[in-house]
Amino acid sequence: WQADYRFVCLIQKHLRGRMAATLLSLGEFFGYREDGKTLAFEVTRAELANLANMITANAIRTLSAFVSEGLITLDKRRITILDEAALQYISTPD
């Protein structure tokens, strides 16, 4: 049922919501590094786009917007979540 729920959520959310939900899901599934904020693995923009069901260009724009808003930081393939509450809010369906 979780796969069905994830699919329904991905098709009902806008781009920002899908990316926020994807980042949070990855953190829940794979965990975080010692700092408790950096995802425990490295992922490419293309991989994130596929997981969030969007094209790579949209994923890059969305991630850049999250960086400029202070929600995350990006260091090549390493992602640090700075404002989990804001990502939770963005990922909530309208």
N, C-alpha and C. Protein backbone atom coordinates (compact mmCIF):
# COMPACT_ATOMS: atom_id res chain seq x y z
N TRP A 1 0.80 -1.19 0.00
CA TRP A 1 0.00 0.00 0.00
C TRP A 1 0.85 1.26 0.00
N GLN A 2 2.06 1.17 0.54
CA GLN A 2 2.93 2.36 0.59
C GLN A 2 3.32 2.82 -0.81
N ALA A 3 3.56 1.87 -1.71
CA ALA A 3 3.90 2.25 -3.08
C ALA A 3 2.72 2.96 -3.75
N ASP A 4 1.53 2.47 -3.53
CA ASP A 4 0.34 3.11 -4.09
C ASP A 4 0.16 4.51 -3.52
N TYR A 5 0.34 4.65 -2.20
CA TYR A 5 0.20 5.94 -1.54
C TYR A 5 1.23 6.93 -2.09
N ARG A 6 2.47 6.48 -2.23
CA ARG A 6 3.53 7.35 -2.76
C ARG A 6 3.20 7.79 -4.18
N PHE A 7 2.69 6.87 -5.00
CA PHE A 7 2.35 7.20 -6.38
C PHE A 7 1.24 8.25 -6.42
N VAL A 8 0.21 8.06 -5.63
CA VAL A 8 -0.89 9.02 -5.61
C VAL A 8 -0.39 10.38 -5.14
N CYS A 9 0.44 10.41 -4.12
CA CYS A 9 0.99 11.67 -3.63
C CYS A 9 1.82 12.37 -4.70
N LEU A 10 2.62 11.60 -5.43
CA LEU A 10 3.49 12.20 -6.45
C LEU A 10 2.70 12.79 -7.60
N ILE A 11 1.59 12.20 -7.96
CA ILE A 11 0.84 12.75 -9.09
C ILE A 11 -0.09 13.88 -8.67
N GLN A 12 -0.39 14.02 -7.39
CA GLN A 12 -1.28 15.07 -6.92
C GLN A 12 -0.53 16.33 -6.50
N LYS A 13 0.74 16.25 -6.23
CA LYS A 13 1.49 17.40 -5.74
C LYS A 13 2.14 18.18 -6.87
N HIS A 14 2.37 19.44 -6.63
CA HIS A 14 3.11 20.27 -7.57
C HIS A 14 4.60 19.93 -7.46
N LEU A 15 5.42 20.54 -8.31
CA LEU A 15 6.84 20.21 -8.36
C LEU A 15 7.54 20.38 -7.01
N ARG A 16 7.32 21.51 -6.38
CA ARG A 16 7.98 21.76 -5.09
C ARG A 16 7.56 20.73 -4.04
N GLY A 17 6.29 20.40 -4.03
CA GLY A 17 5.79 19.42 -3.08
C GLY A 17 6.38 18.05 -3.30
N ARG A 18 6.51 17.68 -4.57
CA ARG A 18 7.08 16.36 -4.89
C ARG A 18 8.55 16.29 -4.49
N MET A 19 9.30 17.36 -4.76
CA MET A 19 10.72 17.33 -4.40
C MET A 19 10.89 17.34 -2.88
N ALA A 20 10.10 18.15 -2.19
CA ALA A 20 10.19 18.20 -0.73
C ALA A 20 9.86 16.83 -0.14
N ALA A 21 8.81 16.20 -0.63
CA ALA A 21 8.41 14.88 -0.13
C ALA A 21 9.49 13.85 -0.43
N THR A 22 10.11 13.94 -1.59
CA THR A 22 11.17 13.00 -1.96
C THR A 22 12.36 13.15 -1.03
N LEU A 23 12.79 14.37 -0.77
CA LEU A 23 13.93 14.59 0.12
C LEU A 23 13.64 14.05 1.52
N LEU A 24 12.45 14.33 2.02
CA LEU A 24 12.09 13.85 3.36
C LEU A 24 12.00 12.32 3.40
N SER A 25 11.45 11.74 2.35
CA SER A 25 11.34 10.27 2.29
C SER A 25 12.71 9.62 2.26
N LEU A 26 13.64 10.21 1.52
CA LEU A 26 14.99 9.66 1.45
C LEU A 26 15.66 9.72 2.82
N GLY A 27 15.44 10.80 3.53
CA GLY A 27 15.99 10.91 4.88
C GLY A 27 15.41 9.87 5.82
N GLU A 28 14.11 9.65 5.71
CA GLU A 28 13.46 8.65 6.57
C GLU A 28 13.93 7.24 6.23
N PHE A 29 14.07 6.96 4.95
CA PHE A 29 14.41 5.60 4.52
C PHE A 29 15.88 5.27 4.74
N PHE A 30 16.78 6.19 4.32
CA PHE A 30 18.22 5.90 4.39
C PHE A 30 18.91 6.50 5.60
N GLY A 31 18.29 7.47 6.23
CA GLY A 31 18.88 8.08 7.41
C GLY A 31 19.78 9.26 7.09
N TYR A 32 20.42 9.75 8.14
CA TYR A 32 21.26 10.94 8.05
C TYR A 32 22.66 10.65 8.57
N ARG A 33 23.59 11.51 8.20
CA ARG A 33 24.96 11.42 8.71
C ARG A 33 24.97 11.86 10.18
N GLU A 34 26.16 11.92 10.76
CA GLU A 34 26.31 12.22 12.18
C GLU A 34 25.68 13.55 12.58
N ASP A 35 25.64 14.51 11.67
CA ASP A 35 25.08 15.82 12.01
C ASP A 35 23.56 15.81 12.13
N GLY A 36 22.93 14.73 11.69
CA GLY A 36 21.47 14.61 11.79
C GLY A 36 20.71 15.39 10.74
N LYS A 37 21.41 16.04 9.81
CA LYS A 37 20.75 16.85 8.79
C LYS A 37 21.15 16.47 7.37
N THR A 38 22.34 15.94 7.20
CA THR A 38 22.85 15.59 5.87
C THR A 38 22.43 14.17 5.54
N LEU A 39 21.84 13.99 4.36
CA LEU A 39 21.42 12.66 3.94
C LEU A 39 22.60 11.71 3.98
N ALA A 40 22.37 10.48 4.38
CA ALA A 40 23.43 9.50 4.62
C ALA A 40 24.02 8.95 3.33
N PHE A 41 23.56 9.40 2.21
CA PHE A 41 24.09 8.92 0.93
C PHE A 41 24.12 10.08 -0.04
N GLU A 42 24.80 9.90 -1.13
CA GLU A 42 24.89 10.94 -2.15
C GLU A 42 24.04 10.54 -3.33
N VAL A 43 23.39 11.52 -3.95
CA VAL A 43 22.46 11.26 -5.04
C VAL A 43 22.62 12.34 -6.11
N THR A 44 22.47 11.95 -7.37
CA THR A 44 22.59 12.91 -8.47
C THR A 44 21.27 13.65 -8.66
N ARG A 45 21.34 14.76 -9.36
CA ARG A 45 20.12 15.53 -9.67
C ARG A 45 19.18 14.69 -10.53
N ALA A 46 19.74 13.93 -11.46
CA ALA A 46 18.91 13.08 -12.33
C ALA A 46 18.19 12.00 -11.53
N GLU A 47 18.89 11.42 -10.56
CA GLU A 47 18.25 10.41 -9.71
C GLU A 47 17.13 11.02 -8.88
N LEU A 48 17.36 12.22 -8.35
CA LEU A 48 16.31 12.90 -7.60
C LEU A 48 15.11 13.22 -8.49
N ALA A 49 15.40 13.64 -9.71
CA ALA A 49 14.31 13.94 -10.65
C ALA A 49 13.47 12.69 -10.90
N ASN A 50 14.11 11.57 -11.11
CA ASN A 50 13.37 10.34 -11.34
C ASN A 50 12.53 9.96 -10.12
N LEU A 51 13.09 10.09 -8.95
CA LEU A 51 12.37 9.75 -7.73
C LEU A 51 11.18 10.68 -7.49
N ALA A 52 11.32 11.94 -7.89
CA ALA A 52 10.26 12.92 -7.69
C ALA A 52 9.31 13.01 -8.89
N ASN A 53 9.54 12.18 -9.90
CA ASN A 53 8.68 12.14 -11.08
C ASN A 53 8.65 13.48 -11.81
N MET A 54 9.85 13.98 -12.13
CA MET A 54 9.96 15.22 -12.88
C MET A 54 11.20 15.16 -13.77
N ILE A 55 11.28 16.08 -14.72
CA ILE A 55 12.46 16.11 -15.57
C ILE A 55 13.62 16.73 -14.79
N THR A 56 14.83 16.42 -15.22
CA THR A 56 16.03 16.87 -14.50
C THR A 56 16.10 18.38 -14.40
N ALA A 57 15.74 19.09 -15.46
CA ALA A 57 15.80 20.56 -15.43
C ALA A 57 14.89 21.12 -14.35
N ASN A 58 13.70 20.57 -14.21
CA ASN A 58 12.78 21.04 -13.15
C ASN A 58 13.32 20.70 -11.77
N ALA A 59 13.94 19.53 -11.64
CA ALA A 59 14.53 19.15 -10.35
C ALA A 59 15.64 20.12 -9.97
N ILE A 60 16.48 20.47 -10.92
CA ILE A 60 17.58 21.39 -10.65
C ILE A 60 17.04 22.76 -10.25
N ARG A 61 16.03 23.26 -10.96
CA ARG A 61 15.43 24.55 -10.60
C ARG A 61 14.80 24.51 -9.21
N THR A 62 14.10 23.42 -8.92
CA THR A 62 13.45 23.30 -7.61
C THR A 62 14.48 23.22 -6.49
N LEU A 63 15.53 22.43 -6.69
CA LEU A 63 16.58 22.35 -5.68
C LEU A 63 17.27 23.70 -5.50
N SER A 64 17.52 24.42 -6.58
CA SER A 64 18.14 25.75 -6.49
C SER A 64 17.25 26.71 -5.71
N ALA A 65 15.94 26.62 -5.93
CA ALA A 65 15.01 27.47 -5.18
C ALA A 65 15.06 27.12 -3.70
N PHE A 66 15.11 25.83 -3.37
CA PHE A 66 15.21 25.41 -1.97
C PHE A 66 16.49 25.94 -1.33
N VAL A 67 17.58 25.94 -2.09
CA VAL A 67 18.85 26.46 -1.58
C VAL A 67 18.72 27.96 -1.32
N SER A 68 18.18 28.71 -2.28
CA SER A 68 18.07 30.16 -2.13
C SER A 68 17.12 30.54 -0.99
N GLU A 69 16.16 29.66 -0.67
CA GLU A 69 15.23 29.91 0.43
C GLU A 69 15.79 29.44 1.77
N GLY A 70 16.97 28.83 1.76
CA GLY A 70 17.61 28.38 2.99
C GLY A 70 17.02 27.09 3.56
N LEU A 71 16.36 26.31 2.71
CA LEU A 71 15.76 25.06 3.17
C LEU A 71 16.75 23.91 3.15
N ILE A 72 17.68 23.92 2.19
CA ILE A 72 18.68 22.87 2.04
C ILE A 72 20.00 23.51 1.61
N THR A 73 21.08 22.73 1.71
CA THR A 73 22.34 23.09 1.06
C THR A 73 22.74 21.93 0.18
N LEU A 74 23.44 22.25 -0.88
CA LEU A 74 23.93 21.24 -1.81
C LEU A 74 25.44 21.36 -1.91
N ASP A 75 26.11 20.23 -1.81
CA ASP A 75 27.55 20.17 -2.01
C ASP A 75 27.80 19.00 -2.94
N LYS A 76 27.78 19.30 -4.24
CA LYS A 76 27.84 18.28 -5.28
C LYS A 76 26.68 17.32 -5.11
N ARG A 77 26.91 16.09 -4.70
CA ARG A 77 25.83 15.11 -4.54
C ARG A 77 25.33 14.97 -3.11
N ARG A 78 25.85 15.78 -2.22
CA ARG A 78 25.49 15.70 -0.81
C ARG A 78 24.44 16.77 -0.49
N ILE A 79 23.35 16.35 0.15
CA ILE A 79 22.25 17.26 0.45
C ILE A 79 22.07 17.35 1.97
N THR A 80 22.01 18.58 2.47
CA THR A 80 21.76 18.82 3.88
C THR A 80 20.42 19.53 4.02
N ILE A 81 19.56 18.99 4.84
CA ILE A 81 18.24 19.58 5.08
C ILE A 81 18.37 20.54 6.26
N LEU A 82 18.14 21.83 5.99
CA LEU A 82 18.27 22.85 7.02
C LEU A 82 16.95 23.16 7.71
N ASP A 83 15.84 23.05 6.98
CA ASP A 83 14.53 23.39 7.54
C ASP A 83 13.53 22.29 7.21
N GLU A 84 13.55 21.25 8.03
CA GLU A 84 12.67 20.10 7.80
C GLU A 84 11.20 20.47 7.91
N ALA A 85 10.88 21.36 8.84
CA ALA A 85 9.49 21.77 9.03
C ALA A 85 8.94 22.45 7.78
N ALA A 86 9.74 23.29 7.15
CA ALA A 86 9.30 23.97 5.93
C ALA A 86 9.11 22.97 4.80
N LEU A 87 10.01 21.98 4.69
CA LEU A 87 9.84 20.96 3.66
C LEU A 87 8.59 20.14 3.93
N GLN A 88 8.30 19.84 5.19
CA GLN A 88 7.07 19.14 5.54
C GLN A 88 5.85 19.93 5.09
N TYR A 89 5.87 21.22 5.34
CA TYR A 89 4.76 22.09 4.94
C TYR A 89 4.59 22.10 3.42
N ILE A 90 5.70 22.23 2.71
CA ILE A 90 5.65 22.26 1.24
C ILE A 90 5.15 20.93 0.69
N SER A 91 5.52 19.84 1.34
CA SER A 91 5.15 18.52 0.82
C SER A 91 3.71 18.13 1.11
N THR A 92 3.03 18.89 1.97
CA THR A 92 1.64 18.59 2.30
C THR A 92 0.75 18.94 1.11
N PRO A 93 -0.09 17.99 0.67
CA PRO A 93 -0.98 18.29 -0.47
C PRO A 93 -1.90 19.45 -0.16
N ASP A 94 -2.22 20.20 -1.20
CA ASP A 94 -3.13 21.35 -1.05
C ASP A 94 -4.52 20.91 -0.68
